[in-house]
């Protein structure tokens, strides 16, 4: 009898020990899971800025790629002859006459013709033999000095007008005496000069009937019907006729 009661007591004790041990094991396991989750969280948090930084560097490296000047110049052409005919899509009807040194974006070349972007709305075609992609370049200072030689009475204020929107310039100059238009440009006439406007920007200023003069710099192209000086951002063009000349200072 005593042996049986002791055996039951021992069994109950063992059960209590088992339950306590099991409970402790569960608690320890839960603590371990929580600790492991916290560690994973911490690793993920520490990795996020690293990942963001890499992504930012990749985006920045793409957006800040320098412009390839060779590619850009390959997409641009210069007109080699004054009064070059620009044709419509039928390559028969003339829509415009381009001047020596005029610079346009090349869109495509097909069967001896080059398609160019004349302004925001209009394209045209010129013969491949009438264009070039190469132009001897002077400094802007040299071009401006040459302009001052051939138009000595022009105000340097004119340099501030080139490249500005026409409304800003009109606010300064007032209303023009006349406005003319062709397919590509608008021309605003003032006393002694006129503005050539394209896509609402002043692209060039022309002084007509100027005394014939030759600047002291090497021309990019010199022909009997026109002389062209190419700078980094500005061009100077001289168009002689009847002992005088028309002078154009143009923003590229």
Protein backbone atom coordinates (compact mmCIF):
# COMPACT_ATOMS: atom_id res chain seq x y z
CA UNK A 1 0.00 0.00 0.00
CA UNK A 2 2.74 2.47 1.02
CA UNK A 3 4.70 1.59 -2.12
CA UNK A 4 1.65 2.31 -4.33
CA UNK A 5 0.98 5.71 -2.74
CA UNK A 6 4.67 6.68 -3.13
CA UNK A 7 4.56 5.66 -6.74
CA UNK A 8 1.51 7.86 -7.42
CA UNK A 9 3.13 10.78 -5.58
CA UNK A 10 6.27 10.36 -7.62
CA UNK A 11 4.24 10.27 -10.81
CA UNK A 12 2.39 13.47 -9.88
CA UNK A 13 5.70 15.14 -9.04
CA UNK A 14 7.18 14.07 -12.35
CA UNK A 15 4.14 15.44 -14.19
CA UNK A 16 4.51 18.79 -12.39
CA UNK A 17 8.21 18.90 -13.27
CA UNK A 18 7.38 18.05 -16.90
CA UNK A 19 4.75 20.78 -17.11
CA UNK A 20 7.10 23.36 -15.59
CA UNK A 21 9.95 22.27 -17.86
CA UNK A 22 7.67 22.42 -20.90
CA UNK A 23 6.41 25.87 -19.93
CA UNK A 24 9.96 27.13 -19.45
CA UNK A 25 10.97 25.66 -22.80
CA UNK A 26 8.06 27.43 -24.50
CA UNK A 27 8.93 30.72 -22.84
CA UNK A 28 12.58 30.38 -23.86
CA UNK A 29 11.55 29.45 -27.40
CA UNK A 30 9.25 32.50 -27.59
CA UNK A 31 12.03 34.76 -26.30
CA UNK A 32 14.37 33.29 -28.90
CA UNK A 33 11.87 33.90 -31.72
CA UNK A 34 11.34 37.51 -30.61
CA UNK A 35 15.09 38.10 -30.39
CA UNK A 36 15.67 36.58 -33.82
CA UNK A 37 12.90 38.69 -35.36
CA UNK A 38 14.39 41.82 -33.81
CA UNK A 39 17.80 40.93 -35.21
CA UNK A 40 16.36 40.41 -38.71
CA UNK A 41 14.51 43.73 -38.43
CA UNK A 42 17.68 45.49 -37.44
CA UNK A 43 19.56 44.02 -40.40
CA UNK A 44 16.80 45.02 -42.78
CA UNK A 45 16.74 48.57 -41.39
CA UNK A 46 20.47 48.90 -41.75
CA UNK A 47 20.34 47.61 -45.33
CA UNK A 48 17.62 50.00 -46.58
CA UNK A 49 19.70 53.20 -46.76
CA UNK A 50 22.43 51.22 -48.48
CA UNK A 51 19.97 50.03 -51.13
CA UNK A 52 18.50 53.54 -51.56
CA UNK A 53 21.97 55.00 -51.89
CA UNK A 54 22.88 52.57 -54.65
CA UNK A 55 19.65 53.34 -56.51
CA UNK A 56 20.26 57.07 -56.23
CA UNK A 57 23.80 56.70 -57.51
CA UNK A 58 22.55 54.73 -60.52
CA UNK A 59 19.88 57.31 -61.39
CA UNK A 60 22.28 60.19 -60.89
CA UNK A 61 24.94 58.57 -63.04
CA UNK A 62 22.45 58.28 -65.89
CA UNK A 63 20.97 61.76 -65.56
CA UNK A 64 24.31 63.47 -65.26
CA UNK A 65 25.94 61.88 -68.29
CA UNK A 66 27.74 64.66 -70.19
CA UNK A 67 26.40 65.55 -73.63
CA UNK A 68 28.48 63.92 -76.32
CA UNK A 69 29.54 66.89 -78.44
CA UNK A 70 30.44 64.63 -81.37
CA UNK A 71 26.94 63.11 -81.36
CA UNK A 72 25.34 66.52 -81.05
CA UNK A 73 27.37 68.00 -83.92
CA UNK A 74 26.58 64.93 -86.05
CA UNK A 75 22.87 65.79 -85.64
CA UNK A 76 23.41 69.41 -86.75
CA UNK A 77 24.18 70.72 -90.23
CA UNK A 78 25.29 74.09 -91.56
CA UNK A 79 24.19 75.64 -94.84
CA UNK A 80 27.23 76.13 -97.08
CA UNK A 81 25.74 78.54 -99.63
CA UNK A 82 23.73 81.77 -99.30
CA UNK A 83 20.13 81.61 -100.57
CA UNK A 84 20.01 77.82 -100.41
CA UNK A 85 16.60 76.51 -101.44
CA UNK A 86 14.70 74.51 -98.81
CA UNK A 87 12.01 72.24 -100.24
CA UNK A 88 8.78 70.85 -98.89
CA UNK A 89 8.02 67.17 -98.49
CA UNK A 90 7.59 66.79 -102.24
CA UNK A 91 11.21 68.02 -102.62
CA UNK A 92 10.01 70.25 -105.46
CA UNK A 93 8.19 73.26 -103.98
CA UNK A 94 10.49 75.79 -102.28
CA UNK A 95 9.30 76.72 -98.78
CA UNK A 96 12.27 78.81 -97.63
CA UNK A 97 15.68 80.16 -98.60
CA UNK A 98 18.41 79.49 -96.03
CA UNK A 99 21.43 81.75 -95.52
CA UNK A 100 25.09 80.82 -95.42
CA UNK A 101 25.92 79.38 -92.00
CA UNK A 102 22.32 78.68 -90.98
CA UNK A 103 22.33 75.81 -88.49
CA UNK A 104 19.55 73.21 -88.36
CA UNK A 105 18.94 69.85 -86.75
CA UNK A 106 19.30 66.95 -89.20
CA UNK A 107 16.38 64.52 -89.00
CA UNK A 108 17.34 62.06 -91.76
CA UNK A 109 19.18 61.75 -95.06
CA UNK A 110 17.40 60.17 -98.04
CA UNK A 111 18.57 59.90 -101.68
CA UNK A 112 20.81 62.94 -101.65
CA UNK A 113 18.48 65.11 -99.56
CA UNK A 114 18.75 66.06 -95.88
CA UNK A 115 15.58 66.59 -93.84
CA UNK A 116 16.00 69.44 -91.34
CA UNK A 117 13.95 70.97 -88.52
CA UNK A 118 13.33 74.58 -89.56
CA UNK A 119 11.32 75.62 -86.50
CA UNK A 120 9.03 73.99 -83.95
CA UNK A 121 6.32 73.37 -86.56
CA UNK A 122 8.04 73.04 -89.91
CA UNK A 123 10.53 70.68 -91.52
CA UNK A 124 12.14 70.93 -94.94
CA UNK A 125 14.61 69.28 -97.27
CA UNK A 126 17.93 70.58 -98.61
CA UNK A 127 20.33 68.89 -100.99
CA UNK A 128 23.11 66.98 -99.29
CA UNK A 129 25.74 68.85 -101.32
CA UNK A 130 24.55 72.22 -99.93
CA UNK A 131 25.33 71.38 -96.26
CA UNK A 132 28.31 70.64 -94.06
CA UNK A 133 28.77 69.35 -90.52
CA UNK A 134 32.11 71.09 -90.01
CA UNK A 135 32.67 74.75 -89.15
CA UNK A 136 35.91 76.43 -88.08
CA UNK A 137 35.09 77.93 -84.72
CA UNK A 138 36.28 81.23 -83.30
CA UNK A 139 35.75 82.39 -79.75
CA UNK A 140 32.61 84.42 -79.04
CA UNK A 141 34.85 87.36 -78.13
CA UNK A 142 36.47 87.25 -81.57
CA UNK A 143 33.08 87.13 -83.29
CA UNK A 144 31.74 90.05 -81.25
CA UNK A 145 34.92 92.06 -81.92
CA UNK A 146 34.44 91.42 -85.64
CA UNK A 147 30.81 92.59 -85.38
CA UNK A 148 31.92 95.79 -83.66
CA UNK A 149 34.38 96.42 -86.50
CA UNK A 150 31.73 96.17 -89.21
CA UNK A 151 28.88 97.88 -87.30
CA UNK A 152 30.79 100.40 -85.12
CA UNK A 153 27.69 102.45 -84.29
CA UNK A 154 25.67 99.52 -82.92
CA UNK A 155 24.97 99.53 -79.19
CA UNK A 156 26.29 96.63 -77.11
CA UNK A 157 22.80 96.46 -75.62
CA UNK A 158 21.88 94.53 -78.76
CA UNK A 159 23.82 91.57 -77.37
CA UNK A 160 21.30 91.34 -74.53
CA UNK A 161 18.37 90.99 -76.93
CA UNK A 162 19.65 87.93 -78.78
CA UNK A 163 18.21 84.75 -77.29
CA UNK A 164 15.44 86.52 -75.35
CA UNK A 165 11.73 86.05 -75.96
CA UNK A 166 10.30 88.68 -78.28
CA UNK A 167 7.79 90.03 -75.75
CA UNK A 168 10.58 90.98 -73.34
CA UNK A 169 12.50 92.75 -76.10
CA UNK A 170 9.38 94.53 -77.37
CA UNK A 171 8.69 95.76 -73.85
CA UNK A 172 12.11 97.42 -73.96
CA UNK A 173 12.10 98.64 -77.58
CA UNK A 174 8.44 99.43 -78.06
CA UNK A 175 6.33 98.57 -81.08
CA UNK A 176 8.19 97.88 -84.34
CA UNK A 177 7.55 100.00 -87.40
CA UNK A 178 6.66 96.86 -89.36
CA UNK A 179 6.45 93.08 -88.99
CA UNK A 180 7.03 90.63 -91.84
CA UNK A 181 6.78 86.85 -91.87
CA UNK A 182 7.89 83.93 -93.94
CA UNK A 183 7.40 80.19 -93.42
CA UNK A 184 10.14 80.00 -90.76
CA UNK A 185 10.74 83.40 -89.13
CA UNK A 186 9.18 86.72 -88.20
CA UNK A 187 11.02 90.02 -88.77
CA UNK A 188 10.45 93.03 -86.48
CA UNK A 189 11.71 96.28 -88.01
CA UNK A 190 13.11 99.12 -85.92
CA UNK A 191 15.11 102.22 -86.80
CA UNK A 192 18.40 101.03 -88.33
CA UNK A 193 17.98 97.28 -87.70
CA UNK A 194 15.48 94.42 -87.57
CA UNK A 195 15.06 91.39 -85.32
CA UNK A 196 14.77 87.88 -86.71
CA UNK A 197 12.40 85.90 -84.47
CA UNK A 198 11.90 82.13 -84.51
CA UNK A 199 9.71 80.18 -82.08
CA UNK A 200 9.08 83.44 -80.17
CA UNK A 201 12.80 83.95 -79.50
CA UNK A 202 15.03 86.66 -80.97
CA UNK A 203 17.51 84.59 -82.96
CA UNK A 204 19.37 87.34 -84.81
CA UNK A 205 19.70 91.07 -85.43
CA UNK A 206 20.32 92.46 -88.91
CA UNK A 207 21.81 95.85 -89.83
CA UNK A 208 21.23 96.59 -93.52
CA UNK A 209 23.08 98.98 -95.88
CA UNK A 210 26.28 98.97 -93.86
CA UNK A 211 29.54 100.23 -95.33
CA UNK A 212 31.59 97.37 -96.70
CA UNK A 213 34.30 96.28 -94.22
CA UNK A 214 36.46 93.24 -93.57
CA UNK A 215 37.05 92.08 -89.95
CA UNK A 216 40.55 91.20 -88.76
CA UNK A 217 39.74 87.53 -88.08
CA UNK A 218 39.75 84.41 -90.24
CA UNK A 219 36.32 83.66 -91.70
CA UNK A 220 34.76 80.20 -91.42
CA UNK A 221 33.62 80.59 -95.03
CA UNK A 222 34.24 83.48 -97.43
CA UNK A 223 32.38 83.73 -100.73
CA UNK A 224 31.49 86.61 -103.03
CA UNK A 225 27.85 86.41 -101.89
CA UNK A 226 28.49 85.95 -98.18
CA UNK A 227 31.05 85.70 -95.36
CA UNK A 228 30.47 83.62 -92.22
CA UNK A 229 32.22 83.71 -88.83
CA UNK A 230 31.34 80.86 -86.45
CA UNK A 231 31.67 81.31 -82.68
CA UNK A 232 30.78 79.02 -79.82
CA UNK A 233 27.32 80.50 -79.23
CA UNK A 234 27.09 83.34 -81.78
CA UNK A 235 27.58 83.74 -85.52
CA UNK A 236 28.41 86.76 -87.65
CA UNK A 237 27.32 86.84 -91.31
CA UNK A 238 28.10 89.49 -93.92
CA UNK A 239 26.11 89.66 -97.15
CA UNK A 240 27.65 92.20 -99.58
CA UNK A 241 25.60 93.75 -102.37
CA UNK A 242 25.89 96.95 -104.49
CA UNK A 243 28.90 98.26 -102.54
CA UNK A 244 27.24 97.86 -99.11
CA UNK A 245 26.33 94.83 -97.01
CA UNK A 246 23.76 93.36 -94.67
CA UNK A 247 25.25 92.28 -91.32
CA UNK A 248 23.65 89.59 -89.17
CA UNK A 249 24.62 88.72 -85.59
CA UNK A 250 22.92 85.46 -84.69
CA UNK A 251 22.47 83.26 -81.64
CA UNK A 252 23.04 79.56 -82.41
